[in-house]
Amino acid sequence: MNGLEALRVSEECRDQHIDILVTDVTMPKI
C-alpha cells in the first residue's frame, strides 16, 4: 500500500524473483 511496505515485502521475499515493480509516483513517506 506504500513504499515502506513495498521495501518490507521485498525483504521478506528476498529469495523470490520479482520481475517488475509497478508503483504510483506520489505516495506518503516514500
Full PDB file with SEQRES, HELIX, SHEET, SSBOND, CRYST1, ORIGX, SCALE, CONECT and MASTER records, all heavy atoms in Angstrom:
SEQRES   1 A   30  MET ASN GLY LEU GLU ALA LEU ARG VAL SER GLU GLU CYS          
SEQRES   2 A   30  ARG ASP GLN HIS ILE ASP ILE LEU VAL THR ASP VAL THR          
SEQRES   3 A   30  MET PRO LYS ILE                                              
HELIX    1 AA1 GLY A    3  GLU A   12  1                                  10    
CRYST1    1.000    1.000    1.000  90.00  90.00  90.00 P 1           1          
ORIGX1      1.000000  0.000000  0.000000        0.00000                         
ORIGX2      0.000000  1.000000  0.000000        0.00000                         
ORIGX3      0.000000  0.000000  1.000000        0.00000                         
SCALE1      1.000000  0.000000  0.000000        0.00000                         
SCALE2      0.000000  1.000000  0.000000        0.00000                         
SCALE3      0.000000  0.000000  1.000000        0.00000                         
ATOM      1  N   MET A   1       0.805  -1.223   0.000  1.00  0.00           N  
ATOM      2  CA  MET A   1       0.000   0.000   0.000  1.00  0.00           C  
ATOM      3  C   MET A   1       0.839   1.275   0.000  1.00  0.00           C  
ATOM      4  O   MET A   1       0.315   2.374  -0.169  1.00  0.00           O  
ATOM      5  CB  MET A   1      -0.962   0.017   1.189  1.00  0.00           C  
ATOM      6  CG  MET A   1      -0.280   0.138   2.536  1.00  0.00           C  
ATOM      7  SD  MET A   1      -1.488   0.245   3.893  1.00  0.00           S  
ATOM      8  CE  MET A   1      -2.283  -1.357   3.755  1.00  0.00           C  
ATOM      9  N   ASN A   2       2.145   1.145   0.195  1.00  0.00           N  
ATOM     10  CA  ASN A   2       3.028   2.309   0.142  1.00  0.00           C  
ATOM     11  C   ASN A   2       4.466   1.843  -0.035  1.00  0.00           C  
ATOM     12  O   ASN A   2       4.754   0.634  -0.031  1.00  0.00           O  
ATOM     13  CB  ASN A   2       2.880   3.171   1.404  1.00  0.00           C  
ATOM     14  CG  ASN A   2       3.082   2.372   2.679  1.00  0.00           C  
ATOM     15  OD1 ASN A   2       4.109   1.705   2.844  1.00  0.00           O  
ATOM     16  ND2 ASN A   2       2.121   2.431   3.595  1.00  0.00           N  
ATOM     17  N   GLY A   3       5.391   2.803  -0.154  1.00  0.00           N  
ATOM     18  CA  GLY A   3       6.780   2.460  -0.409  1.00  0.00           C  
ATOM     19  C   GLY A   3       7.439   1.705   0.725  1.00  0.00           C  
ATOM     20  O   GLY A   3       8.214   0.764   0.499  1.00  0.00           O  
ATOM     21  N   LEU A   4       7.146   2.101   1.966  1.00  0.00           N  
ATOM     22  CA  LEU A   4       7.738   1.420   3.115  1.00  0.00           C  
ATOM     23  C   LEU A   4       7.319  -0.046   3.158  1.00  0.00           C  
ATOM     24  O   LEU A   4       8.142  -0.938   3.415  1.00  0.00           O  
ATOM     25  CB  LEU A   4       7.342   2.124   4.412  1.00  0.00           C  
ATOM     26  CG  LEU A   4       8.016   3.465   4.702  1.00  0.00           C  
ATOM     27  CD1 LEU A   4       7.464   4.072   5.980  1.00  0.00           C  
ATOM     28  CD2 LEU A   4       9.526   3.284   4.807  1.00  0.00           C  
ATOM     29  N   GLU A   5       6.035  -0.295   2.917  1.00  0.00           N  
ATOM     30  CA  GLU A   5       5.560  -1.676   2.920  1.00  0.00           C  
ATOM     31  C   GLU A   5       6.182  -2.452   1.762  1.00  0.00           C  
ATOM     32  O   GLU A   5       6.499  -3.632   1.903  1.00  0.00           O  
ATOM     33  CB  GLU A   5       4.036  -1.724   2.821  1.00  0.00           C  
ATOM     34  CG  GLU A   5       3.493  -3.149   2.933  1.00  0.00           C  
ATOM     35  CD  GLU A   5       1.978  -3.221   2.865  1.00  0.00           C  
ATOM     36  OE1 GLU A   5       1.351  -2.259   2.403  1.00  0.00           O  
ATOM     37  OE2 GLU A   5       1.441  -4.261   3.285  1.00  0.00           O  
ATOM     38  N   ALA A   6       6.376  -1.801   0.639  1.00  0.00           N  
ATOM     39  CA  ALA A   6       6.980  -2.470  -0.518  1.00  0.00           C  
ATOM     40  C   ALA A   6       8.403  -2.927  -0.199  1.00  0.00           C  
ATOM     41  O   ALA A   6       8.806  -4.037  -0.564  1.00  0.00           O  
ATOM     42  CB  ALA A   6       6.988  -1.537  -1.722  1.00  0.00           C  
ATOM     43  N   LEU A   7       9.165  -2.085   0.496  1.00  0.00           N  
ATOM     44  CA  LEU A   7      10.529  -2.460   0.868  1.00  0.00           C  
ATOM     45  C   LEU A   7      10.519  -3.615   1.864  1.00  0.00           C  
ATOM     46  O   LEU A   7      11.358  -4.522   1.790  1.00  0.00           O  
ATOM     47  CB  LEU A   7      11.255  -1.252   1.461  1.00  0.00           C  
ATOM     48  CG  LEU A   7      11.552  -0.113   0.477  1.00  0.00           C  
ATOM     49  CD1 LEU A   7      12.181   1.062   1.207  1.00  0.00           C  
ATOM     50  CD2 LEU A   7      12.461  -0.595  -0.645  1.00  0.00           C  
ATOM     51  N   ARG A   8       9.560  -3.578   2.781  1.00  0.00           N  
ATOM     52  CA  ARG A   8       9.458  -4.681   3.745  1.00  0.00           C  
ATOM     53  C   ARG A   8       9.096  -5.981   3.043  1.00  0.00           C  
ATOM     54  O   ARG A   8       9.687  -7.037   3.316  1.00  0.00           O  
ATOM     55  CB  ARG A   8       8.406  -4.351   4.815  1.00  0.00           C  
ATOM     56  CG  ARG A   8       8.194  -5.473   5.837  1.00  0.00           C  
ATOM     57  CD  ARG A   8       7.109  -5.105   6.831  1.00  0.00           C  
ATOM     58  NE  ARG A   8       5.829  -4.866   6.200  1.00  0.00           N  
ATOM     59  CZ  ARG A   8       5.020  -5.835   5.784  1.00  0.00           C  
ATOM     60  NH1 ARG A   8       5.370  -7.116   5.898  1.00  0.00           N  
ATOM     61  NH2 ARG A   8       3.854  -5.528   5.237  1.00  0.00           N  
ATOM     62  N   VAL A   9       8.140  -5.919   2.133  1.00  0.00           N  
ATOM     63  CA  VAL A   9       7.722  -7.112   1.400  1.00  0.00           C  
ATOM     64  C   VAL A   9       8.873  -7.651   0.554  1.00  0.00           C  
ATOM     65  O   VAL A   9       9.102  -8.863   0.488  1.00  0.00           O  
ATOM     66  CB  VAL A   9       6.506  -6.785   0.503  1.00  0.00           C  
ATOM     67  CG1 VAL A   9       6.247  -7.918  -0.477  1.00  0.00           C  
ATOM     68  CG2 VAL A   9       5.275  -6.526   1.348  1.00  0.00           C  
ATOM     69  N   SER A  10       9.601  -6.748  -0.068  1.00  0.00           N  
ATOM     70  CA  SER A  10      10.740  -7.177  -0.881  1.00  0.00           C  
ATOM     71  C   SER A  10      11.787  -7.886  -0.041  1.00  0.00           C  
ATOM     72  O   SER A  10      12.381  -8.884  -0.472  1.00  0.00           O  
ATOM     73  CB  SER A  10      11.361  -5.963  -1.582  1.00  0.00           C  
ATOM     74  OG  SER A  10      12.516  -6.340  -2.295  1.00  0.00           O  
ATOM     75  N   GLU A  11      12.015  -7.385   1.169  1.00  0.00           N  
ATOM     76  CA  GLU A  11      12.996  -8.016   2.057  1.00  0.00           C  
ATOM     77  C   GLU A  11      12.512  -9.398   2.492  1.00  0.00           C  
ATOM     78  O   GLU A  11      13.294 -10.357   2.537  1.00  0.00           O  
ATOM     79  CB  GLU A  11      13.217  -7.130   3.288  1.00  0.00           C  
ATOM     80  CG  GLU A  11      14.212  -7.687   4.295  1.00  0.00           C  
ATOM     81  CD  GLU A  11      15.606  -7.827   3.724  1.00  0.00           C  
ATOM     82  OE1 GLU A  11      15.964  -7.062   2.798  1.00  0.00           O  
ATOM     83  OE2 GLU A  11      16.357  -8.710   4.202  1.00  0.00           O  
ATOM     84  N   GLU A  12      11.217  -9.508   2.791  1.00  0.00           N  
ATOM     85  CA  GLU A  12      10.658 -10.798   3.190  1.00  0.00           C  
ATOM     86  C   GLU A  12      10.719 -11.807   2.048  1.00  0.00           C  
ATOM     87  O   GLU A  12      10.806 -13.009   2.281  1.00  0.00           O  
ATOM     88  CB  GLU A  12       9.209 -10.620   3.651  1.00  0.00           C  
ATOM     89  CG  GLU A  12       9.065  -9.829   4.947  1.00  0.00           C  
ATOM     90  CD  GLU A  12       7.616  -9.569   5.307  1.00  0.00           C  
ATOM     91  OE1 GLU A  12       6.734  -9.891   4.467  1.00  0.00           O  
ATOM     92  OE2 GLU A  12       7.356  -9.059   6.405  1.00  0.00           O  
ATOM     93  N   CYS A  13      10.643 -11.306   0.814  1.00  0.00           N  
ATOM     94  CA  CYS A  13      10.684 -12.173  -0.369  1.00  0.00           C  
ATOM     95  C   CYS A  13      12.053 -12.106  -1.050  1.00  0.00           C  
ATOM     96  O   CYS A  13      12.153 -12.227  -2.276  1.00  0.00           O  
ATOM     97  CB  CYS A  13       9.590 -11.769  -1.355  1.00  0.00           C  
ATOM     98  SG  CYS A  13       7.916 -11.799  -0.707  1.00  0.00           S  
ATOM     99  N   ARG A  14      13.096 -11.896  -0.279  1.00  0.00           N  
ATOM    100  CA  ARG A  14      14.436 -11.700  -0.838  1.00  0.00           C  
ATOM    101  C   ARG A  14      14.846 -12.849  -1.760  1.00  0.00           C  
ATOM    102  O   ARG A  14      15.534 -12.647  -2.762  1.00  0.00           O  
ATOM    103  CB  ARG A  14      15.449 -11.557   0.297  1.00  0.00           C  
ATOM    104  CG  ARG A  14      16.889 -11.370  -0.173  1.00  0.00           C  
ATOM    105  CD  ARG A  14      17.830 -11.213   0.998  1.00  0.00           C  
ATOM    106  NE  ARG A  14      17.742  -9.897   1.566  1.00  0.00           N  
ATOM    107  CZ  ARG A  14      18.495  -8.867   1.179  1.00  0.00           C  
ATOM    108  NH1 ARG A  14      19.371  -9.023   0.188  1.00  0.00           N  
ATOM    109  NH2 ARG A  14      18.389  -7.689   1.749  1.00  0.00           N  
ATOM    110  N   ASP A  15      14.439 -14.070  -1.408  1.00  0.00           N  
ATOM    111  CA  ASP A  15      14.818 -15.235  -2.211  1.00  0.00           C  
ATOM    112  C   ASP A  15      13.884 -15.471  -3.394  1.00  0.00           C  
ATOM    113  O   ASP A  15      14.106 -16.376  -4.197  1.00  0.00           O  
ATOM    114  CB  ASP A  15      14.849 -16.494  -1.335  1.00  0.00           C  
ATOM    115  CG  ASP A  15      15.910 -16.415  -0.243  1.00  0.00           C  
ATOM    116  OD1 ASP A  15      16.928 -15.727  -0.463  1.00  0.00           O  
ATOM    117  OD2 ASP A  15      15.712 -17.020   0.823  1.00  0.00           O  
ATOM    118  N   GLN A  16      12.838 -14.662  -3.497  1.00  0.00           N  
ATOM    119  CA  GLN A  16      11.874 -14.806  -4.589  1.00  0.00           C  
ATOM    120  C   GLN A  16      12.171 -13.770  -5.667  1.00  0.00           C  
ATOM    121  O   GLN A  16      12.410 -12.594  -5.372  1.00  0.00           O  
ATOM    122  CB  GLN A  16      10.441 -14.612  -4.091  1.00  0.00           C  
ATOM    123  CG  GLN A  16       9.380 -14.739  -5.173  1.00  0.00           C  
ATOM    124  CD  GLN A  16       7.975 -14.553  -4.621  1.00  0.00           C  
ATOM    125  OE1 GLN A  16       7.777 -14.424  -3.413  1.00  0.00           O  
ATOM    126  NE2 GLN A  16       6.988 -14.535  -5.503  1.00  0.00           N  
ATOM    127  N   HIS A  17      12.159 -14.197  -6.925  1.00  0.00           N  
ATOM    128  CA  HIS A  17      12.422 -13.268  -8.019  1.00  0.00           C  
ATOM    129  C   HIS A  17      11.184 -12.419  -8.275  1.00  0.00           C  
ATOM    130  O   HIS A  17      10.074 -12.921  -8.398  1.00  0.00           O  
ATOM    131  CB  HIS A  17      12.789 -14.032  -9.292  1.00  0.00           C  
ATOM    132  CG  HIS A  17      13.123 -13.127 -10.445  1.00  0.00           C  
ATOM    133  ND1 HIS A  17      14.245 -12.333 -10.465  1.00  0.00           N  
ATOM    134  CD2 HIS A  17      12.451 -12.879 -11.609  1.00  0.00           C  
ATOM    135  CE1 HIS A  17      14.274 -11.648 -11.587  1.00  0.00           C  
ATOM    136  NE2 HIS A  17      13.199 -11.957 -12.296  1.00  0.00           N  
ATOM    137  N   ILE A  18      11.368 -11.102  -8.328  1.00  0.00           N  
ATOM    138  CA  ILE A  18      10.301 -10.169  -8.685  1.00  0.00           C  
ATOM    139  C   ILE A  18      10.654  -9.590 -10.050  1.00  0.00           C  
ATOM    140  O   ILE A  18      11.716  -8.993 -10.229  1.00  0.00           O  
ATOM    141  CB  ILE A  18      10.151  -9.051  -7.641  1.00  0.00           C  
ATOM    142  CG1 ILE A  18       9.735  -9.651  -6.290  1.00  0.00           C  
ATOM    143  CG2 ILE A  18       9.127  -8.013  -8.102  1.00  0.00           C  
ATOM    144  CD1 ILE A  18       9.621  -8.628  -5.173  1.00  0.00           C  
ATOM    145  N   ASP A  19       9.777  -9.771 -11.018  1.00  0.00           N  
ATOM    146  CA  ASP A  19      10.089  -9.440 -12.406  1.00  0.00           C  
ATOM    147  C   ASP A  19       9.940  -7.965 -12.728  1.00  0.00           C  
ATOM    148  O   ASP A  19      10.643  -7.439 -13.588  1.00  0.00           O  
ATOM    149  CB  ASP A  19       9.211 -10.261 -13.349  1.00  0.00           C  
ATOM    150  CG  ASP A  19       9.502 -11.751 -13.229  1.00  0.00           C  
ATOM    151  OD1 ASP A  19      10.455 -12.223 -13.875  1.00  0.00           O  
ATOM    152  OD2 ASP A  19       8.783 -12.431 -12.479  1.00  0.00           O  
ATOM    153  N   ILE A  20       8.990  -7.289 -12.049  1.00  0.00           N  
ATOM    154  CA  ILE A  20       8.754  -5.881 -12.363  1.00  0.00           C  
ATOM    155  C   ILE A  20       8.115  -5.177 -11.176  1.00  0.00           C  
ATOM    156  O   ILE A  20       7.318  -5.781 -10.441  1.00  0.00           O  
ATOM    157  CB  ILE A  20       7.870  -5.725 -13.623  1.00  0.00           C  
ATOM    158  CG1 ILE A  20       7.752  -4.249 -14.028  1.00  0.00           C  
ATOM    159  CG2 ILE A  20       6.504  -6.352 -13.418  1.00  0.00           C  
ATOM    160  CD1 ILE A  20       7.074  -4.045 -15.384  1.00  0.00           C  
ATOM    161  N   LEU A  21       8.473  -3.921 -10.998  1.00  0.00           N  
ATOM    162  CA  LEU A  21       7.853  -3.053  -9.994  1.00  0.00           C  
ATOM    163  C   LEU A  21       6.866  -2.138 -10.697  1.00  0.00           C  
ATOM    164  O   LEU A  21       7.222  -1.462 -11.671  1.00  0.00           O  
ATOM    165  CB  LEU A  21       8.922  -2.223  -9.279  1.00  0.00           C  
ATOM    166  CG  LEU A  21       8.428  -1.054  -8.416  1.00  0.00           C  
ATOM    167  CD1 LEU A  21       7.665  -1.574  -7.199  1.00  0.00           C  
ATOM    168  CD2 LEU A  21       9.595  -0.170  -7.987  1.00  0.00           C  
ATOM    169  N   VAL A  22       5.626  -2.111 -10.213  1.00  0.00           N  
ATOM    170  CA  VAL A  22       4.623  -1.172 -10.711  1.00  0.00           C  
ATOM    171  C   VAL A  22       4.258  -0.271  -9.544  1.00  0.00           C  
ATOM    172  O   VAL A  22       3.720  -0.744  -8.544  1.00  0.00           O  
ATOM    173  CB  VAL A  22       3.368  -1.897 -11.236  1.00  0.00           C  
ATOM    174  CG1 VAL A  22       2.314  -0.882 -11.685  1.00  0.00           C  
ATOM    175  CG2 VAL A  22       3.719  -2.831 -12.384  1.00  0.00           C  
ATOM    176  N   THR A  23       4.575   1.005  -9.644  1.00  0.00           N  
ATOM    177  CA  THR A  23       4.381   1.882  -8.489  1.00  0.00           C  
ATOM    178  C   THR A  23       3.818   3.241  -8.856  1.00  0.00           C  
ATOM    179  O   THR A  23       4.151   3.812  -9.901  1.00  0.00           O  
ATOM    180  CB  THR A  23       5.718   2.082  -7.739  1.00  0.00           C  
ATOM    181  OG1 THR A  23       5.517   2.956  -6.626  1.00  0.00           O  
ATOM    182  CG2 THR A  23       6.785   2.668  -8.647  1.00  0.00           C  
ATOM    183  N   ASP A  24       2.944   3.731  -7.998  1.00  0.00           N  
ATOM    184  CA  ASP A  24       2.463   5.103  -8.121  1.00  0.00           C  
ATOM    185  C   ASP A  24       3.648   6.032  -7.862  1.00  0.00           C  
ATOM    186  O   ASP A  24       4.566   5.701  -7.104  1.00  0.00           O  
ATOM    187  CB  ASP A  24       1.353   5.345  -7.098  1.00  0.00           C  
ATOM    188  CG  ASP A  24       0.631   6.654  -7.326  1.00  0.00           C  
ATOM    189  OD1 ASP A  24       0.799   7.249  -8.404  1.00  0.00           O  
ATOM    190  OD2 ASP A  24      -0.102   7.093  -6.425  1.00  0.00           O  
ATOM    191  N   VAL A  25       3.647   7.190  -8.497  1.00  0.00           N  
ATOM    192  CA  VAL A  25       4.755   8.127  -8.328  1.00  0.00           C  
ATOM    193  C   VAL A  25       4.673   8.845  -6.990  1.00  0.00           C  
ATOM    194  O   VAL A  25       5.643   8.914  -6.229  1.00  0.00           O  
ATOM    195  CB  VAL A  25       4.774   9.156  -9.470  1.00  0.00           C  
ATOM    196  CG1 VAL A  25       5.820  10.228  -9.212  1.00  0.00           C  
ATOM    197  CG2 VAL A  25       5.040   8.470 -10.801  1.00  0.00           C  
ATOM    198  N   THR A  26       3.491   9.379  -6.678  1.00  0.00           N  
ATOM    199  CA  THR A  26       3.321  10.192  -5.474  1.00  0.00           C  
ATOM    200  C   THR A  26       2.637   9.385  -4.385  1.00  0.00           C  
ATOM    201  O   THR A  26       1.464   9.016  -4.505  1.00  0.00           O  
ATOM    202  CB  THR A  26       2.483  11.443  -5.782  1.00  0.00           C  
ATOM    203  OG1 THR A  26       3.081  12.152  -6.876  1.00  0.00           O  
ATOM    204  CG2 THR A  26       2.402  12.350  -4.580  1.00  0.00           C  
ATOM    205  N   MET A  27       3.380   9.105  -3.305  1.00  0.00           N  
ATOM    206  CA  MET A  27       2.854   8.363  -2.167  1.00  0.00           C  
ATOM    207  C   MET A  27       3.429   8.956  -0.889  1.00  0.00           C  
ATOM    208  O   MET A  27       4.496   9.587  -0.907  1.00  0.00           O  
ATOM    209  CB  MET A  27       3.241   6.877  -2.260  1.00  0.00           C  
ATOM    210  CG  MET A  27       2.650   6.141  -3.454  1.00  0.00           C  
ATOM    211  SD  MET A  27       3.092   4.382  -3.461  1.00  0.00           S  
ATOM    212  CE  MET A  27       4.877   4.499  -3.753  1.00  0.00           C  
ATOM    213  N   PRO A  28       2.729   8.768   0.243  1.00  0.00           N  
ATOM    214  CA  PRO A  28       3.257   9.284   1.507  1.00  0.00           C  
ATOM    215  C   PRO A  28       4.579   8.608   1.874  1.00  0.00           C  
ATOM    216  O   PRO A  28       4.810   7.440   1.557  1.00  0.00           O  
ATOM    217  CB  PRO A  28       2.159   8.910   2.517  1.00  0.00           C  
ATOM    218  CG  PRO A  28       0.931   8.665   1.694  1.00  0.00           C  
ATOM    219  CD  PRO A  28       1.414   8.131   0.380  1.00  0.00           C  
ATOM    220  N   LYS A  29       5.464   9.362   2.526  1.00  0.00           N  
ATOM    221  CA  LYS A  29       6.721   8.868   3.111  1.00  0.00           C  
ATOM    222  C   LYS A  29       7.768   8.537   2.047  1.00  0.00           C  
ATOM    223  O   LYS A  29       8.831   9.124   2.007  1.00  0.00           O  
ATOM    224  CB  LYS A  29       6.469   7.672   4.030  1.00  0.00           C  
ATOM    225  CG  LYS A  29       5.574   8.011   5.214  1.00  0.00           C  
ATOM    226  CD  LYS A  29       5.354   6.809   6.118  1.00  0.00           C  
ATOM    227  CE  LYS A  29       4.449   7.183   7.284  1.00  0.00           C  
ATOM    228  NZ  LYS A  29       4.188   6.022   8.164  1.00  0.00           N  
ATOM    229  N   ILE A  30       7.476   7.557   1.189  1.00  0.00           N  
ATOM    230  CA  ILE A  30       8.421   7.193   0.135  1.00  0.00           C  
ATOM    231  C   ILE A  30       7.683   7.190  -1.202  1.00  0.00           C  
ATOM    232  O   ILE A  30       6.748   6.424  -1.402  1.00  0.00           O  
ATOM    233  CB  ILE A  30       9.046   5.804   0.388  1.00  0.00           C  
ATOM    234  CG1 ILE A  30       9.891   5.821   1.662  1.00  0.00           C  
ATOM    235  CG2 ILE A  30       9.923   5.395  -0.789  1.00  0.00           C  
ATOM    236  CD1 ILE A  30      10.559   4.494   1.961  1.00  0.00           C  
TER     237      ILE A  30                                                      
MASTER        0    0    0    1    0    0    0    6  236    1    0    3          
END                                                                             
